[in-house]
Amino acid sequence: MTELSDSWELYTALERLDLLQNSQPLWWPQHGTFEVVVGAILTQNTQWTRVTVSLENLAQAKALSLEILSQIDPETLMELIRPSGLINAKSKNIILLSRAILEEFSSFDAFKEEVTREWLLAQKGIGPETADSILCYACERPVMVVDSYTARLLRAFGYEFENYNDLQEWCERGIREHCDESMLQRTFAHFHGMIVEYVKSNSKGKVVNTMKILDIK
């Protein structure tokens, strides 16, 4: 098995495959907007295609805003996000987070500038992956999101990590050593996106094919 020297080697190998050619500039749709916050909660334990339907429902109902979701009727919200599953928990957490953002920061713009990872993790239903997705794609901070796709790909190269933080630290370290500070947020966003797109297209079950990455013919 070929070993990776660091995460930068993996990043550059993935980049050569041009995996994000049909994606948004920072991969996640509507990056820098409140829609990312909602999408980060909706995508928990479900497929993004289902989240897309829920977001379209919210947009058509003119409910995809911080102020409206802080006051929306829970039953109405549950129906709008039904395609994403776990509608009781997700609707409650979206409403609670929307209210907390307004109470703590008054506006989404202030939230983007001032929110911390610790504050996000203290909110109901927000774990490390969701918090980092919000920080990276909604708040446009230099944070690397890692997930089950990341763990599966690195496992194919022989890497095992004890927890989320160890996996994230490995991914961030190599990038920070080779990438200019001003490009970190874009690079982390692309790195996460490339990993997701690669694993989705090059895996069967939990087995990931790394031949394309390694340029093996």
C-alpha atoms as a PDB file:
ATOM      1  CA  MET A   1       0.000   0.000   0.000  1.00  0.00           C
ATOM      2  CA  THR A   2       1.360   3.416  -0.947  1.00  0.00           C
ATOM      3  CA  GLU A   3       1.564   5.774   2.016  1.00  0.00           C
ATOM      4  CA  LEU A   4       0.739   9.457   1.961  1.00  0.00           C
ATOM      5  CA  SER A   5       3.430  11.742   3.317  1.00  0.00           C
ATOM      6  CA  ASP A   6       0.855  14.279   4.497  1.00  0.00           C
ATOM      7  CA  SER A   7      -2.531  15.799   3.684  1.00  0.00           C
ATOM      8  CA  TRP A   8      -0.997  18.183   1.157  1.00  0.00           C
ATOM      9  CA  GLU A   9       0.043  15.236  -0.989  1.00  0.00           C
ATOM     10  CA  LEU A  10      -3.523  13.954  -0.893  1.00  0.00           C
ATOM     11  CA  TYR A  11      -4.914  17.398  -1.684  1.00  0.00           C
ATOM     12  CA  THR A  12      -2.708  17.909  -4.743  1.00  0.00           C
ATOM     13  CA  ALA A  13      -3.444  14.391  -6.016  1.00  0.00           C
ATOM     14  CA  LEU A  14      -7.189  14.996  -5.736  1.00  0.00           C
ATOM     15  CA  GLU A  15      -6.836  18.405  -7.358  1.00  0.00           C
ATOM     16  CA  ARG A  16      -5.304  16.838 -10.468  1.00  0.00           C
ATOM     17  CA  LEU A  17      -8.543  14.900 -10.956  1.00  0.00           C
ATOM     18  CA  ASP A  18     -10.545  18.142 -11.388  1.00  0.00           C
ATOM     19  CA  LEU A  19     -13.339  16.814  -9.192  1.00  0.00           C
ATOM     20  CA  LEU A  20     -15.006  20.177  -8.574  1.00  0.00           C
ATOM     21  CA  GLN A  21     -15.247  21.402 -12.148  1.00  0.00           C
ATOM     22  CA  ASN A  22     -19.058  21.506 -12.001  1.00  0.00           C
ATOM     23  CA  SER A  23     -19.348  22.720  -8.407  1.00  0.00           C
ATOM     24  CA  GLN A  24     -19.892  26.067  -6.731  1.00  0.00           C
ATOM     25  CA  PRO A  25     -16.722  28.183  -6.126  1.00  0.00           C
ATOM     26  CA  LEU A  26     -16.404  26.865  -2.564  1.00  0.00           C
ATOM     27  CA  TRP A  27     -18.212  23.569  -3.303  1.00  0.00           C
ATOM     28  CA  TRP A  28     -21.071  23.971  -0.795  1.00  0.00           C
ATOM     29  CA  PRO A  29     -24.063  25.664  -2.487  1.00  0.00           C
ATOM     30  CA  GLN A  30     -24.856  29.215  -1.356  1.00  0.00           C
ATOM     31  CA  HIS A  31     -21.681  29.489   0.734  1.00  0.00           C
ATOM     32  CA  GLY A  32     -21.570  32.529   2.991  1.00  0.00           C
ATOM     33  CA  THR A  33     -25.336  32.559   3.550  1.00  0.00           C
ATOM     34  CA  PHE A  34     -27.746  31.468   6.262  1.00  0.00           C
ATOM     35  CA  GLU A  35     -28.912  28.669   3.955  1.00  0.00           C
ATOM     36  CA  VAL A  36     -25.659  26.843   4.779  1.00  0.00           C
ATOM     37  CA  VAL A  37     -26.541  26.836   8.479  1.00  0.00           C
ATOM     38  CA  VAL A  38     -29.893  25.223   7.744  1.00  0.00           C
ATOM     39  CA  GLY A  39     -28.357  22.784   5.275  1.00  0.00           C
ATOM     40  CA  ALA A  40     -25.671  21.749   7.768  1.00  0.00           C
ATOM     41  CA  ILE A  41     -28.380  20.626  10.193  1.00  0.00           C
ATOM     42  CA  LEU A  42     -30.581  19.031   7.552  1.00  0.00           C
ATOM     43  CA  THR A  43     -27.738  16.942   6.125  1.00  0.00           C
ATOM     44  CA  GLN A  44     -27.164  15.107   9.389  1.00  0.00           C
ATOM     45  CA  ASN A  45     -27.676  11.377   8.777  1.00  0.00           C
ATOM     46  CA  THR A  46     -29.144  11.793   5.314  1.00  0.00           C
ATOM     47  CA  GLN A  47     -28.196  12.270   1.666  1.00  0.00           C
ATOM     48  CA  TRP A  48     -27.641  15.712   0.193  1.00  0.00           C
ATOM     49  CA  THR A  49     -30.176  15.078  -2.563  1.00  0.00           C
ATOM     50  CA  ARG A  50     -32.867  14.919   0.123  1.00  0.00           C
ATOM     51  CA  VAL A  51     -31.562  18.100   1.734  1.00  0.00           C
ATOM     52  CA  THR A  52     -31.811  19.888  -1.603  1.00  0.00           C
ATOM     53  CA  VAL A  53     -35.539  19.087  -1.759  1.00  0.00           C
ATOM     54  CA  SER A  54     -36.067  20.401   1.771  1.00  0.00           C
ATOM     55  CA  LEU A  55     -34.181  23.615   1.000  1.00  0.00           C
ATOM     56  CA  GLU A  56     -36.278  24.097  -2.141  1.00  0.00           C
ATOM     57  CA  ASN A  57     -39.425  23.634  -0.056  1.00  0.00           C
ATOM     58  CA  LEU A  58     -38.239  26.267   2.398  1.00  0.00           C
ATOM     59  CA  ALA A  59     -37.340  28.684  -0.395  1.00  0.00           C
ATOM     60  CA  GLN A  60     -40.701  28.256  -2.116  1.00  0.00           C
ATOM     61  CA  ALA A  61     -42.441  28.894   1.202  1.00  0.00           C
ATOM     62  CA  LYS A  62     -40.276  32.021   1.652  1.00  0.00           C
ATOM     63  CA  ALA A  63     -39.167  30.581   4.971  1.00  0.00           C
ATOM     64  CA  LEU A  64     -35.433  30.345   4.367  1.00  0.00           C
ATOM     65  CA  SER A  65     -34.361  33.229   6.572  1.00  0.00           C
ATOM     66  CA  LEU A  66     -33.044  33.576  10.098  1.00  0.00           C
ATOM     67  CA  GLU A  67     -35.916  35.755  11.277  1.00  0.00           C
ATOM     68  CA  ILE A  68     -38.689  33.580   9.837  1.00  0.00           C
ATOM     69  CA  LEU A  69     -37.215  30.291  11.057  1.00  0.00           C
ATOM     70  CA  SER A  70     -36.859  31.695  14.559  1.00  0.00           C
ATOM     71  CA  GLN A  71     -40.639  32.176  14.680  1.00  0.00           C
ATOM     72  CA  ILE A  72     -41.967  29.469  12.363  1.00  0.00           C
ATOM     73  CA  ASP A  73     -44.610  27.017  13.527  1.00  0.00           C
ATOM     74  CA  PRO A  74     -42.814  23.704  14.278  1.00  0.00           C
ATOM     75  CA  GLU A  75     -45.443  21.626  12.477  1.00  0.00           C
ATOM     76  CA  THR A  76     -45.072  23.765   9.362  1.00  0.00           C
ATOM     77  CA  LEU A  77     -41.303  23.427   9.441  1.00  0.00           C
ATOM     78  CA  MET A  78     -41.496  19.674   9.899  1.00  0.00           C
ATOM     79  CA  GLU A  79     -43.572  19.334   6.740  1.00  0.00           C
ATOM     80  CA  LEU A  80     -41.199  21.530   4.741  1.00  0.00           C
ATOM     81  CA  ILE A  81     -38.114  19.539   5.747  1.00  0.00           C
ATOM     82  CA  ARG A  82     -39.736  16.092   5.693  1.00  0.00           C
ATOM     83  CA  PRO A  83     -37.528  14.838   2.805  1.00  0.00           C
ATOM     84  CA  SER A  84     -34.458  15.173   5.061  1.00  0.00           C
ATOM     85  CA  GLY A  85     -35.793  12.826   7.738  1.00  0.00           C
ATOM     86  CA  LEU A  86     -35.522  13.097  11.540  1.00  0.00           C
ATOM     87  CA  ILE A  87     -37.950  15.986  11.233  1.00  0.00           C
ATOM     88  CA  ASN A  88     -38.807  16.322  14.938  1.00  0.00           C
ATOM     89  CA  ALA A  89     -35.215  16.802  16.062  1.00  0.00           C
ATOM     90  CA  LYS A  90     -34.088  18.809  13.052  1.00  0.00           C
ATOM     91  CA  SER A  91     -37.019  21.238  13.132  1.00  0.00           C
ATOM     92  CA  LYS A  92     -36.528  21.839  16.850  1.00  0.00           C
ATOM     93  CA  ASN A  93     -32.788  22.385  16.437  1.00  0.00           C
ATOM     94  CA  ILE A  94     -33.210  24.772  13.491  1.00  0.00           C
ATOM     95  CA  ILE A  95     -35.704  26.883  15.446  1.00  0.00           C
ATOM     96  CA  LEU A  96     -33.589  26.870  18.608  1.00  0.00           C
ATOM     97  CA  LEU A  97     -30.407  27.786  16.749  1.00  0.00           C
ATOM     98  CA  SER A  98     -32.152  30.552  14.815  1.00  0.00           C
ATOM     99  CA  ARG A  99     -33.451  32.061  18.041  1.00  0.00           C
ATOM    100  CA  ALA A 100     -30.073  31.724  19.740  1.00  0.00           C
ATOM    101  CA  ILE A 101     -28.310  33.481  16.862  1.00  0.00           C
ATOM    102  CA  LEU A 102     -30.713  36.417  17.036  1.00  0.00           C
ATOM    103  CA  GLU A 103     -30.529  36.611  20.826  1.00  0.00           C
ATOM    104  CA  GLU A 104     -26.726  36.392  20.949  1.00  0.00           C
ATOM    105  CA  PHE A 105     -25.672  38.212  17.769  1.00  0.00           C
ATOM    106  CA  SER A 106     -28.780  40.138  16.563  1.00  0.00           C
ATOM    107  CA  SER A 107     -28.059  39.393  12.884  1.00  0.00           C
ATOM    108  CA  PHE A 108     -26.544  36.769  10.618  1.00  0.00           C
ATOM    109  CA  ASP A 109     -23.771  39.151   9.539  1.00  0.00           C
ATOM    110  CA  ALA A 110     -22.706  39.649  13.156  1.00  0.00           C
ATOM    111  CA  PHE A 111     -22.951  35.903  13.749  1.00  0.00           C
ATOM    112  CA  LYS A 112     -20.554  35.253  10.843  1.00  0.00           C
ATOM    113  CA  GLU A 113     -17.995  37.635  12.307  1.00  0.00           C
ATOM    114  CA  GLU A 114     -18.279  36.805  15.988  1.00  0.00           C
ATOM    115  CA  VAL A 115     -19.396  33.203  16.486  1.00  0.00           C
ATOM    116  CA  THR A 116     -16.938  30.705  17.942  1.00  0.00           C
ATOM    117  CA  ARG A 117     -16.735  26.952  17.585  1.00  0.00           C
ATOM    118  CA  GLU A 118     -17.305  26.637  21.318  1.00  0.00           C
ATOM    119  CA  TRP A 119     -20.558  28.584  21.086  1.00  0.00           C
ATOM    120  CA  LEU A 120     -21.804  26.417  18.249  1.00  0.00           C
ATOM    121  CA  LEU A 121     -20.944  23.187  20.052  1.00  0.00           C
ATOM    122  CA  ALA A 122     -22.932  24.403  23.072  1.00  0.00           C
ATOM    123  CA  GLN A 123     -26.114  24.567  20.950  1.00  0.00           C
ATOM    124  CA  LYS A 124     -28.519  21.639  20.905  1.00  0.00           C
ATOM    125  CA  GLY A 125     -27.992  19.254  17.994  1.00  0.00           C
ATOM    126  CA  ILE A 126     -24.707  20.816  16.845  1.00  0.00           C
ATOM    127  CA  GLY A 127     -21.762  18.411  16.834  1.00  0.00           C
ATOM    128  CA  PRO A 128     -18.212  18.957  15.545  1.00  0.00           C
ATOM    129  CA  GLU A 129     -18.941  18.206  11.877  1.00  0.00           C
ATOM    130  CA  THR A 130     -22.003  20.471  11.783  1.00  0.00           C
ATOM    131  CA  ALA A 131     -20.192  23.247  13.666  1.00  0.00           C
ATOM    132  CA  ASP A 132     -17.204  23.105  11.330  1.00  0.00           C
ATOM    133  CA  SER A 133     -19.448  23.035   8.245  1.00  0.00           C
ATOM    134  CA  ILE A 134     -21.100  26.230   9.480  1.00  0.00           C
ATOM    135  CA  LEU A 135     -17.751  27.858  10.262  1.00  0.00           C
ATOM    136  CA  CYS A 136     -16.163  26.907   6.933  1.00  0.00           C
ATOM    137  CA  TYR A 137     -19.014  27.368   4.490  1.00  0.00           C
ATOM    138  CA  ALA A 138     -21.381  29.854   6.173  1.00  0.00           C
ATOM    139  CA  CYS A 139     -18.871  31.972   8.099  1.00  0.00           C
ATOM    140  CA  GLU A 140     -16.027  31.421   5.612  1.00  0.00           C
ATOM    141  CA  ARG A 141     -13.448  30.621   8.273  1.00  0.00           C
ATOM    142  CA  PRO A 142     -10.254  28.579   7.685  1.00  0.00           C
ATOM    143  CA  VAL A 143     -11.618  25.352   9.182  1.00  0.00           C
ATOM    144  CA  MET A 144     -11.364  21.853   7.703  1.00  0.00           C
ATOM    145  CA  VAL A 145     -14.549  19.791   7.803  1.00  0.00           C
ATOM    146  CA  VAL A 146     -13.978  16.048   8.152  1.00  0.00           C
ATOM    147  CA  ASP A 147     -16.617  13.340   7.991  1.00  0.00           C
ATOM    148  CA  SER A 148     -17.237   9.675   7.277  1.00  0.00           C
ATOM    149  CA  TYR A 149     -16.019  10.148   3.694  1.00  0.00           C
ATOM    150  CA  THR A 150     -12.708  11.527   4.986  1.00  0.00           C
ATOM    151  CA  ALA A 151     -12.260   8.647   7.412  1.00  0.00           C
ATOM    152  CA  ARG A 152     -13.084   6.064   4.719  1.00  0.00           C
ATOM    153  CA  LEU A 153     -10.608   7.507   2.228  1.00  0.00           C
ATOM    154  CA  LEU A 154      -7.765   7.697   4.707  1.00  0.00           C
ATOM    155  CA  ARG A 155      -8.564   4.219   5.989  1.00  0.00           C
ATOM    156  CA  ALA A 156      -7.963   3.000   2.428  1.00  0.00           C
ATOM    157  CA  PHE A 157      -4.440   4.395   2.768  1.00  0.00           C
ATOM    158  CA  GLY A 158      -3.935   2.638   6.098  1.00  0.00           C
ATOM    159  CA  TYR A 159      -4.705   5.536   8.422  1.00  0.00           C
ATOM    160  CA  GLU A 160      -6.899   5.114  11.494  1.00  0.00           C
ATOM    161  CA  PHE A 161      -7.846   7.944  13.834  1.00  0.00           C
ATOM    162  CA  GLU A 162      -9.156   7.827  17.378  1.00  0.00           C
ATOM    163  CA  ASN A 163     -11.661  10.624  16.999  1.00  0.00           C
ATOM    164  CA  TYR A 164     -12.906  13.552  14.921  1.00  0.00           C
ATOM    165  CA  ASN A 165     -10.310  15.984  16.265  1.00  0.00           C
ATOM    166  CA  ASP A 166      -7.363  13.714  15.417  1.00  0.00           C
ATOM    167  CA  LEU A 167      -8.648  13.244  11.863  1.00  0.00           C
ATOM    168  CA  GLN A 168      -9.186  16.972  11.456  1.00  0.00           C
ATOM    169  CA  GLU A 169      -5.750  17.791  12.866  1.00  0.00           C
ATOM    170  CA  TRP A 170      -4.033  15.452  10.366  1.00  0.00           C
ATOM    171  CA  CYS A 171      -5.927  16.975   7.450  1.00  0.00           C
ATOM    172  CA  GLU A 172      -5.254  20.551   8.509  1.00  0.00           C
ATOM    173  CA  ARG A 173      -1.578  20.142   9.427  1.00  0.00           C
ATOM    174  CA  GLY A 174      -0.245  19.286   5.966  1.00  0.00           C
ATOM    175  CA  ILE A 175      -2.317  22.012   4.322  1.00  0.00           C
ATOM    176  CA  ARG A 176      -1.160  24.683   6.795  1.00  0.00           C
ATOM    177  CA  GLU A 177       2.487  23.709   6.221  1.00  0.00           C
ATOM    178  CA  HIS A 178       2.228  24.219   2.453  1.00  0.00           C
ATOM    179  CA  CYS A 179      -0.527  26.781   1.906  1.00  0.00           C
ATOM    180  CA  ASP A 180      -0.508  30.540   2.307  1.00  0.00           C
ATOM    181  CA  GLU A 181      -2.707  31.812   5.155  1.00  0.00           C
ATOM    182  CA  SER A 182      -4.854  33.864   2.807  1.00  0.00           C
ATOM    183  CA  MET A 183      -5.796  30.719   0.858  1.00  0.00           C
ATOM    184  CA  LEU A 184      -6.543  28.425   3.796  1.00  0.00           C
ATOM    185  CA  GLN A 185     -10.325  28.786   3.846  1.00  0.00           C
ATOM    186  CA  ARG A 186     -10.688  28.158   0.124  1.00  0.00           C
ATOM    187  CA  THR A 187      -8.244  25.251   0.286  1.00  0.00           C
ATOM    188  CA  PHE A 188      -9.972  23.581   3.233  1.00  0.00           C
ATOM    189  CA  ALA A 189     -13.347  23.989   1.530  1.00  0.00           C
ATOM    190  CA  HIS A 190     -12.036  22.454  -1.682  1.00  0.00           C
ATOM    191  CA  PHE A 191     -10.231  19.658   0.157  1.00  0.00           C
ATOM    192  CA  HIS A 192     -13.388  18.559   1.936  1.00  0.00           C
ATOM    193  CA  GLY A 193     -15.414  18.846  -1.256  1.00  0.00           C
ATOM    194  CA  MET A 194     -12.923  16.849  -3.301  1.00  0.00           C
ATOM    195  CA  ILE A 195     -12.831  14.074  -0.724  1.00  0.00           C
ATOM    196  CA  VAL A 196     -16.622  13.787  -0.687  1.00  0.00           C
ATOM    197  CA  GLU A 197     -16.893  13.788  -4.473  1.00  0.00           C
ATOM    198  CA  TYR A 198     -14.092  11.263  -4.882  1.00  0.00           C
ATOM    199  CA  VAL A 199     -15.389   8.783  -2.314  1.00  0.00           C
ATOM    200  CA  LYS A 200     -18.954   9.009  -3.625  1.00  0.00           C
ATOM    201  CA  SER A 201     -17.751   8.183  -7.127  1.00  0.00           C
ATOM    202  CA  ASN A 202     -15.012   5.662  -6.315  1.00  0.00           C
ATOM    203  CA  SER A 203     -16.264   3.418  -3.564  1.00  0.00           C
ATOM    204  CA  LYS A 204     -18.339   0.319  -3.246  1.00  0.00           C
ATOM    205  CA  GLY A 205     -19.846  -0.077   0.177  1.00  0.00           C
ATOM    206  CA  LYS A 206     -17.091   0.875   2.605  1.00  0.00           C
ATOM    207  CA  VAL A 207     -14.259  -0.008   0.221  1.00  0.00           C
ATOM    208  CA  VAL A 208     -12.650   2.997  -1.480  1.00  0.00           C
ATOM    209  CA  ASN A 209     -10.680   2.591  -4.703  1.00  0.00           C
ATOM    210  CA  THR A 210      -7.555   4.795  -4.543  1.00  0.00           C
ATOM    211  CA  MET A 211      -6.178   3.946  -7.994  1.00  0.00           C
ATOM    212  CA  LYS A 212      -7.129   7.274  -9.572  1.00  0.00           C
ATOM    213  CA  ILE A 213      -5.473   9.222  -6.765  1.00  0.00           C
ATOM    214  CA  LEU A 214      -2.276   7.244  -7.117  1.00  0.00           C
ATOM    215  CA  ASP A 215      -2.262   7.629 -10.922  1.00  0.00           C
ATOM    216  CA  ILE A 216      -2.133   3.853 -11.256  1.00  0.00           C
ATOM    217  CA  LYS A 217      -3.009   2.782 -14.796  1.00  0.00           C
END
